[in-house]
Amino acid sequence: MMILRNAEEKDLPTILEIMNEAILNTTAIYDYKSRNKEYVEAWFAKKQVDNFPVIVCEMDGKAVGYGSFGTFRAWEAYKFSVEHSIYVHKDYRGKGIGKKLLQALINAAREGGYHTMIAGIDASNQKSCDFHAQFGFKEAGRIIDAGYKFDKWLDLVFMQLILT
């Protein structure tokens, strides 16, 4: 059974595991090194202070995926735009978890009075682009050679959903 709920401190080790798997094995996160306990604790605390959601999907008593959104850009005029991310444990992908998490984030963003949600997606990840398109996200821009990972240049696609 799939349960969506707000993340708790007890979920942080699993969130960190999922985050680090994405860093080390995919281009979903443009970073090189594993993050540590202190990083994920500070990340979670900042989300709480800023009143941004961190939602987990729980199956069999364990968090198997998480999603969140936060500030798109730091200047005042961007206050109605948020950038989101969703990550699912490698052993649980393809089970509809991402869909549940994204819908929950869209709902939270609407309830929070935000105007637009933005996804930054590695251009080679067509599955993620198609996934977002199912929810009405449209490509809003593309930055060529925005990142460098696994000995190659990476293009970054921005997809956007207008919420209001």
Protein backbone atom coordinates (compact mmCIF):
# COMPACT_ATOMS: atom_id res chain seq x y z
CA MET A 1 0.00 0.00 0.00
CA MET A 2 1.25 3.45 -0.97
CA ILE A 3 0.99 6.27 1.59
CA LEU A 4 1.92 9.89 0.90
CA ARG A 5 2.84 11.97 3.92
CA ASN A 6 5.03 14.82 5.03
CA ALA A 7 8.61 13.76 5.56
CA GLU A 8 9.90 13.36 9.09
CA GLU A 9 13.42 13.30 10.48
CA LYS A 10 13.26 9.49 10.55
CA ASP A 11 13.06 9.57 6.71
CA LEU A 12 16.28 11.50 6.25
CA PRO A 13 18.61 8.47 5.99
CA THR A 14 16.46 7.03 3.19
CA ILE A 15 16.13 10.41 1.46
CA LEU A 16 19.93 10.70 1.63
CA GLU A 17 20.34 7.21 0.16
CA ILE A 18 18.00 8.04 -2.74
CA MET A 19 19.68 11.41 -3.29
CA ASN A 20 23.17 9.90 -3.34
CA GLU A 21 22.17 7.12 -5.73
CA ALA A 22 20.93 9.79 -8.15
CA ILE A 23 24.13 11.81 -7.77
CA LEU A 24 26.48 8.87 -8.28
CA ASN A 25 24.61 7.00 -11.04
CA THR A 26 22.46 9.44 -13.00
CA THR A 27 22.39 12.91 -14.50
CA ALA A 28 19.24 13.76 -12.51
CA ILE A 29 21.37 15.79 -10.08
CA TYR A 30 24.23 17.78 -11.54
CA ASP A 31 26.61 17.09 -8.68
CA TYR A 32 29.64 14.84 -8.29
CA LYS A 33 30.03 13.83 -4.65
CA SER A 34 27.78 12.02 -2.22
CA ARG A 35 26.11 14.17 0.34
CA ASN A 36 26.27 13.43 4.05
CA LYS A 37 23.96 13.35 7.06
CA GLU A 38 24.70 16.98 7.92
CA TYR A 39 23.80 18.08 4.40
CA VAL A 40 20.40 16.36 4.35
CA GLU A 41 19.60 17.58 7.86
CA ALA A 42 20.37 21.19 6.87
CA TRP A 43 18.41 20.78 3.61
CA PHE A 44 15.38 19.46 5.52
CA ALA A 45 15.59 22.17 8.19
CA LYS A 46 15.75 24.88 5.50
CA LYS A 47 12.68 23.44 3.77
CA GLN A 48 10.81 23.63 7.07
CA VAL A 49 11.92 27.18 7.85
CA ASP A 50 10.96 28.30 4.34
CA ASN A 51 7.61 26.46 4.59
CA PHE A 52 8.31 24.28 1.55
CA PRO A 53 6.95 20.72 1.47
CA VAL A 54 8.98 17.55 1.56
CA ILE A 55 6.62 14.68 0.78
CA VAL A 56 7.54 11.03 0.99
CA CYS A 57 5.88 7.99 -0.45
CA GLU A 58 5.89 5.16 2.05
CA MET A 59 5.46 1.49 1.20
CA ASP A 60 5.76 -1.32 3.71
CA GLY A 61 6.73 1.15 6.43
CA LYS A 62 9.65 2.60 4.45
CA ALA A 63 10.05 5.83 2.48
CA VAL A 64 10.67 4.82 -1.14
CA GLY A 65 10.53 8.20 -2.82
CA TYR A 66 10.37 11.87 -2.05
CA GLY A 67 9.47 15.14 -3.67
CA SER A 68 9.87 18.75 -2.76
CA PHE A 69 9.85 22.22 -4.16
CA GLY A 70 11.63 25.39 -3.27
CA THR A 71 12.75 28.78 -4.43
CA PHE A 72 13.28 28.99 -8.18
CA ARG A 73 15.45 32.10 -7.97
CA ALA A 74 16.31 34.16 -4.92
CA TRP A 75 14.97 37.57 -5.99
CA GLU A 76 11.65 38.93 -4.72
CA ALA A 77 9.84 39.00 -8.06
CA TYR A 78 10.24 35.21 -8.40
CA LYS A 79 8.27 34.55 -5.19
CA PHE A 80 5.36 32.97 -7.09
CA SER A 81 7.58 30.46 -8.94
CA VAL A 82 8.90 27.22 -7.47
CA GLU A 83 11.25 24.56 -8.77
CA HIS A 84 10.48 21.00 -7.81
CA SER A 85 12.27 17.68 -7.73
CA ILE A 86 11.13 14.09 -7.34
CA TYR A 87 13.30 11.07 -6.72
CA VAL A 88 12.28 7.44 -6.33
CA HIS A 89 14.39 4.63 -4.89
CA LYS A 90 15.91 2.61 -7.74
CA ASP A 91 14.10 -0.57 -6.62
CA TYR A 92 10.68 1.11 -6.72
CA ARG A 93 10.71 2.96 -10.02
CA GLY A 94 7.91 2.30 -12.50
CA LYS A 95 5.26 1.73 -9.82
CA GLY A 96 3.45 5.09 -10.09
CA ILE A 97 5.23 6.65 -7.11
CA GLY A 98 6.52 9.60 -9.10
CA LYS A 99 3.02 10.36 -10.39
CA LYS A 100 1.59 10.41 -6.88
CA LEU A 101 4.41 12.63 -5.63
CA LEU A 102 4.15 15.09 -8.52
CA GLN A 103 0.38 15.42 -8.13
CA ALA A 104 0.83 16.04 -4.41
CA LEU A 105 3.43 18.75 -5.13
CA ILE A 106 1.19 20.39 -7.74
CA ASN A 107 -1.65 20.42 -5.22
CA ALA A 108 0.61 21.87 -2.51
CA ALA A 109 1.88 24.57 -4.87
CA ARG A 110 -1.65 25.56 -5.83
CA GLU A 111 -2.72 25.62 -2.19
CA GLY A 112 0.36 27.71 -1.39
CA GLY A 113 -0.66 30.35 -3.92
CA TYR A 114 2.18 29.76 -6.36
CA HIS A 115 1.71 30.65 -10.02
CA THR A 116 4.15 28.34 -11.76
CA MET A 117 6.16 25.16 -11.15
CA ILE A 118 9.44 24.60 -12.95
CA ALA A 119 11.37 21.40 -13.51
CA GLY A 120 15.05 21.39 -14.48
CA ILE A 121 15.61 18.12 -16.36
CA ASP A 122 18.69 16.69 -18.05
CA ALA A 123 17.79 16.77 -21.76
CA SER A 124 18.86 13.15 -22.24
CA ASN A 125 16.19 12.06 -19.73
CA GLN A 126 13.31 11.82 -22.19
CA LYS A 127 11.32 9.69 -19.73
CA SER A 128 11.27 12.57 -17.25
CA CYS A 129 10.28 15.05 -19.97
CA ASP A 130 7.45 12.76 -21.10
CA PHE A 131 6.42 12.19 -17.48
CA HIS A 132 6.13 15.92 -16.85
CA ALA A 133 4.25 16.43 -20.12
CA GLN A 134 1.56 14.03 -18.83
CA PHE A 135 0.82 16.63 -16.14
CA GLY A 136 0.69 19.55 -18.56
CA PHE A 137 4.27 20.77 -18.24
CA LYS A 138 5.62 22.40 -21.41
CA GLU A 139 9.21 22.97 -22.41
CA ALA A 140 10.04 26.58 -21.55
CA GLY A 141 13.72 26.65 -22.40
CA ARG A 142 16.91 24.72 -22.95
CA ILE A 143 20.44 25.57 -21.90
CA ILE A 144 23.08 23.85 -24.02
CA ASP A 145 26.16 22.47 -22.22
CA ALA A 146 24.84 23.67 -18.85
CA GLY A 147 26.56 20.91 -16.89
CA TYR A 148 29.43 18.49 -17.18
CA LYS A 149 29.19 15.00 -15.72
CA PHE A 150 30.34 11.50 -16.65
CA ASP A 151 32.85 12.98 -19.12
CA LYS A 152 30.24 14.72 -21.26
CA TRP A 153 28.45 18.04 -21.57
CA LEU A 154 24.83 18.03 -20.46
CA ASP A 155 21.94 20.12 -21.76
CA LEU A 156 19.35 21.30 -19.26
CA VAL A 157 15.66 21.52 -20.20
CA PHE A 158 13.29 23.69 -18.21
CA MET A 159 9.68 22.53 -18.20
CA GLN A 160 6.95 24.67 -16.73
CA LEU A 161 3.38 24.27 -15.51
CA ILE A 162 1.21 27.36 -15.01
CA LEU A 163 -0.86 26.64 -11.90
CA THR A 164 -3.37 29.50 -11.89
